[in-house]
C-alpha atoms as a PDB file:
ATOM      1  CA  UNK A   1       0.000   0.000   0.000  1.00  0.00           C
ATOM      2  CA  UNK A   2       2.781   2.446   0.904  1.00  0.00           C
ATOM      3  CA  UNK A   3       4.585   1.601  -2.316  1.00  0.00           C
ATOM      4  CA  UNK A   4       1.495   2.416  -4.405  1.00  0.00           C
ATOM      5  CA  UNK A   5       0.939   5.701  -2.557  1.00  0.00           C
ATOM      6  CA  UNK A   6       4.594   6.666  -3.006  1.00  0.00           C
ATOM      7  CA  UNK A   7       4.442   5.841  -6.732  1.00  0.00           C
ATOM      8  CA  UNK A   8       1.180   7.814  -7.077  1.00  0.00           C
ATOM      9  CA  UNK A   9       2.673  10.860  -5.333  1.00  0.00           C
ATOM     10  CA  UNK A  10       5.780  10.753  -7.537  1.00  0.00           C
ATOM     11  CA  UNK A  11       3.665  10.581 -10.707  1.00  0.00           C
ATOM     12  CA  UNK A  12       1.433  13.361  -9.421  1.00  0.00           C
ATOM     13  CA  UNK A  13       4.474  15.501  -8.628  1.00  0.00           C
ATOM     14  CA  UNK A  14       5.910  14.954 -12.114  1.00  0.00           C
ATOM     15  CA  UNK A  15       2.580  15.884 -13.708  1.00  0.00           C
ATOM     16  CA  UNK A  16       2.348  19.075 -11.638  1.00  0.00           C
ATOM     17  CA  UNK A  17       5.893  20.060 -12.628  1.00  0.00           C
ATOM     18  CA  UNK A  18       5.096  19.437 -16.315  1.00  0.00           C
ATOM     19  CA  UNK A  19       1.903  21.498 -16.078  1.00  0.00           C
ATOM     20  CA  UNK A  20       3.780  24.352 -14.384  1.00  0.00           C
ATOM     21  CA  UNK A  21       6.519  24.311 -17.049  1.00  0.00           C
ATOM     22  CA  UNK A  22       3.917  24.309 -19.829  1.00  0.00           C
ATOM     23  CA  UNK A  23       2.030  27.212 -18.245  1.00  0.00           C
ATOM     24  CA  UNK A  24       5.215  29.241 -17.797  1.00  0.00           C
ATOM     25  CA  UNK A  25       6.233  28.552 -21.388  1.00  0.00           C
ATOM     26  CA  UNK A  26       2.883  29.689 -22.750  1.00  0.00           C
ATOM     27  CA  UNK A  27       2.918  32.782 -20.540  1.00  0.00           C
ATOM     28  CA  UNK A  28       6.452  33.713 -21.692  1.00  0.00           C
ATOM     29  CA  UNK A  29       5.437  33.236 -25.332  1.00  0.00           C
ATOM     30  CA  UNK A  30       2.340  35.394 -24.825  1.00  0.00           C
ATOM     31  CA  UNK A  31       4.285  38.220 -23.179  1.00  0.00           C
ATOM     32  CA  UNK A  32       6.867  38.107 -25.974  1.00  0.00           C
ATOM     33  CA  UNK A  33       4.118  38.185 -28.605  1.00  0.00           C
ATOM     34  CA  UNK A  34       2.381  41.186 -26.997  1.00  0.00           C
ATOM     35  CA  UNK A  35       5.704  43.047 -26.880  1.00  0.00           C
ATOM     36  CA  UNK A  36       6.146  42.314 -30.591  1.00  0.00           C
ATOM     37  CA  UNK A  37       2.685  43.760 -31.283  1.00  0.00           C
ATOM     38  CA  UNK A  38       3.522  46.909 -29.335  1.00  0.00           C
ATOM     39  CA  UNK A  39       6.775  47.229 -31.275  1.00  0.00           C
ATOM     40  CA  UNK A  40       4.935  46.828 -34.578  1.00  0.00           C
ATOM     41  CA  UNK A  41       2.409  49.507 -33.618  1.00  0.00           C
ATOM     42  CA  UNK A  42       5.227  51.783 -32.474  1.00  0.00           C
ATOM     43  CA  UNK A  43       7.033  51.329 -35.778  1.00  0.00           C
ATOM     44  CA  UNK A  44       3.815  52.057 -37.686  1.00  0.00           C
ATOM     45  CA  UNK A  45       3.021  55.190 -35.663  1.00  0.00           C
ATOM     46  CA  UNK A  46       6.533  56.579 -36.097  1.00  0.00           C
ATOM     47  CA  UNK A  47       6.475  55.791 -39.823  1.00  0.00           C
ATOM     48  CA  UNK A  48       3.093  57.503 -40.182  1.00  0.00           C
ATOM     49  CA  UNK A  49       4.352  60.549 -38.289  1.00  0.00           C
ATOM     50  CA  UNK A  50       7.508  60.876 -40.380  1.00  0.00           C
ATOM     51  CA  UNK A  51       5.549  60.373 -43.607  1.00  0.00           C
ATOM     52  CA  UNK A  52       2.933  63.008 -42.816  1.00  0.00           C
ATOM     53  CA  UNK A  53       5.160  65.487 -40.968  1.00  0.00           C
ATOM     54  CA  UNK A  54       8.654  65.317 -42.473  1.00  0.00           C
ATOM     55  CA  UNK A  55       9.629  68.511 -40.638  1.00  0.00           C
ATOM     56  CA  UNK A  56       8.330  67.327 -37.259  1.00  0.00           C
ATOM     57  CA  UNK A  57       5.502  68.714 -35.172  1.00  0.00           C
ATOM     58  CA  UNK A  58       3.677  71.749 -36.462  1.00  0.00           C
ATOM     59  CA  UNK A  59       3.291  74.732 -34.154  1.00  0.00           C
ATOM     60  CA  UNK A  60      -0.484  74.747 -34.639  1.00  0.00           C
ATOM     61  CA  UNK A  61      -0.659  71.091 -33.453  1.00  0.00           C
ATOM     62  CA  UNK A  62       0.803  71.901 -30.049  1.00  0.00           C
ATOM     63  CA  UNK A  63      -1.178  70.189 -27.299  1.00  0.00           C
ATOM     64  CA  UNK A  64      -3.615  68.431 -29.642  1.00  0.00           C
ATOM     65  CA  UNK A  65      -4.096  64.687 -29.218  1.00  0.00           C
ATOM     66  CA  UNK A  66      -4.816  62.409 -32.161  1.00  0.00           C
ATOM     67  CA  UNK A  67      -5.815  58.766 -32.247  1.00  0.00           C
ATOM     68  CA  UNK A  68      -4.735  56.172 -34.754  1.00  0.00           C
ATOM     69  CA  UNK A  69      -6.442  52.802 -34.767  1.00  0.00           C
ATOM     70  CA  UNK A  70      -4.836  49.678 -36.142  1.00  0.00           C
ATOM     71  CA  UNK A  71      -7.232  49.382 -39.144  1.00  0.00           C
ATOM     72  CA  UNK A  72      -6.115  52.825 -40.361  1.00  0.00           C
ATOM     73  CA  UNK A  73      -2.432  51.904 -40.017  1.00  0.00           C
ATOM     74  CA  UNK A  74      -3.082  48.611 -41.826  1.00  0.00           C
ATOM     75  CA  UNK A  75      -5.036  50.263 -44.679  1.00  0.00           C
ATOM     76  CA  UNK A  76      -2.313  52.865 -45.139  1.00  0.00           C
ATOM     77  CA  UNK A  77       0.405  50.185 -45.190  1.00  0.00           C
ATOM     78  CA  UNK A  78       2.185  51.230 -41.977  1.00  0.00           C
ATOM     79  CA  UNK A  79       1.645  47.823 -40.330  1.00  0.00           C
ATOM     80  CA  UNK A  80       0.460  44.404 -41.498  1.00  0.00           C
ATOM     81  CA  UNK A  81      -2.670  42.733 -40.201  1.00  0.00           C
ATOM     82  CA  UNK A  82      -0.580  39.670 -39.339  1.00  0.00           C
ATOM     83  CA  UNK A  83       1.402  41.838 -36.907  1.00  0.00           C
ATOM     84  CA  UNK A  84      -1.649  41.767 -34.632  1.00  0.00           C
ATOM     85  CA  UNK A  85      -2.363  38.029 -34.821  1.00  0.00           C
ATOM     86  CA  UNK A  86      -3.179  36.847 -31.308  1.00  0.00           C
ATOM     87  CA  UNK A  87      -1.470  33.928 -29.585  1.00  0.00           C
ATOM     88  CA  UNK A  88      -4.311  31.578 -30.563  1.00  0.00           C
ATOM     89  CA  UNK A  89      -3.336  32.130 -34.217  1.00  0.00           C
ATOM     90  CA  UNK A  90      -7.010  32.706 -35.071  1.00  0.00           C
ATOM     91  CA  UNK A  91      -8.101  36.081 -33.749  1.00  0.00           C
ATOM     92  CA  UNK A  92      -6.550  39.506 -34.096  1.00  0.00           C
ATOM     93  CA  UNK A  93      -5.804  41.962 -31.354  1.00  0.00           C
ATOM     94  CA  UNK A  94      -7.253  45.449 -31.374  1.00  0.00           C
ATOM     95  CA  UNK A  95      -4.859  48.331 -30.996  1.00  0.00           C
ATOM     96  CA  UNK A  96      -4.730  52.084 -31.130  1.00  0.00           C
ATOM     97  CA  UNK A  97      -2.321  54.865 -30.317  1.00  0.00           C
ATOM     98  CA  UNK A  98      -2.875  58.289 -28.831  1.00  0.00           C
ATOM     99  CA  UNK A  99      -0.356  60.761 -30.202  1.00  0.00           C
ATOM    100  CA  UNK A 100       0.448  64.303 -29.211  1.00  0.00           C
ATOM    101  CA  UNK A 101       2.761  67.098 -30.233  1.00  0.00           C
ATOM    102  CA  UNK A 102       3.773  69.278 -27.332  1.00  0.00           C
ATOM    103  CA  UNK A 103       6.502  71.904 -27.398  1.00  0.00           C
ATOM    104  CA  UNK A 104       7.598  70.564 -30.790  1.00  0.00           C
ATOM    105  CA  UNK A 105       8.041  67.070 -29.307  1.00  0.00           C
ATOM    106  CA  UNK A 106       6.103  64.048 -30.572  1.00  0.00           C
ATOM    107  CA  UNK A 107       4.819  61.597 -27.948  1.00  0.00           C
ATOM    108  CA  UNK A 108       2.555  58.564 -28.191  1.00  0.00           C
ATOM    109  CA  UNK A 109       0.975  55.836 -26.076  1.00  0.00           C
ATOM    110  CA  UNK A 110      -0.049  52.493 -27.555  1.00  0.00           C
ATOM    111  CA  UNK A 111      -2.938  50.411 -26.226  1.00  0.00           C
ATOM    112  CA  UNK A 112      -3.564  46.777 -27.061  1.00  0.00           C
ATOM    113  CA  UNK A 113      -6.456  44.393 -26.414  1.00  0.00           C
ATOM    114  CA  UNK A 114      -6.396  40.719 -27.243  1.00  0.00           C
ATOM    115  CA  UNK A 115      -8.474  37.694 -26.324  1.00  0.00           C
ATOM    116  CA  UNK A 116      -6.614  37.097 -23.048  1.00  0.00           C
ATOM    117  CA  UNK A 117      -4.760  40.381 -22.644  1.00  0.00           C
ATOM    118  CA  UNK A 118      -5.640  44.031 -22.251  1.00  0.00           C
ATOM    119  CA  UNK A 119      -3.355  46.996 -21.616  1.00  0.00           C
ATOM    120  CA  UNK A 120      -4.100  49.093 -18.588  1.00  0.00           C
ATOM    121  CA  UNK A 121      -5.875  52.213 -19.782  1.00  0.00           C
ATOM    122  CA  UNK A 122      -7.318  50.592 -22.925  1.00  0.00           C
ATOM    123  CA  UNK A 123     -10.764  52.003 -23.675  1.00  0.00           C
ATOM    124  CA  UNK A 124     -13.378  50.177 -25.714  1.00  0.00           C
ATOM    125  CA  UNK A 125     -14.318  53.301 -27.652  1.00  0.00           C
ATOM    126  CA  UNK A 126     -14.949  51.537 -30.940  1.00  0.00           C
ATOM    127  CA  UNK A 127     -16.569  48.284 -29.884  1.00  0.00           C
END
């Protein structure tokens, strides 16, 4: 009886370790993927800014916020739709950026929402 219990506990322990390793691996992959999506959006926003304002921020834009949603950046060719493919490889994440020119300096904040992930501060304005 003790031998069976010991064997059962060892097998259970191995299974728990395997489950934990799998979960950590998936979580690491997900975090890496979301960082890649942020980087893609950042690249698209900066490309859009440089393309539309080759001389930088305009004085009359000072303090004005603008929003750029992922569909606009995709349609204009600044990012690819595949850049926002979620970790399930079926759905696509939603993303937008809030940009601002202030004192001739361009700033932006990117927000991302996926099936199992949502940036703090993301607003469901368009859903």
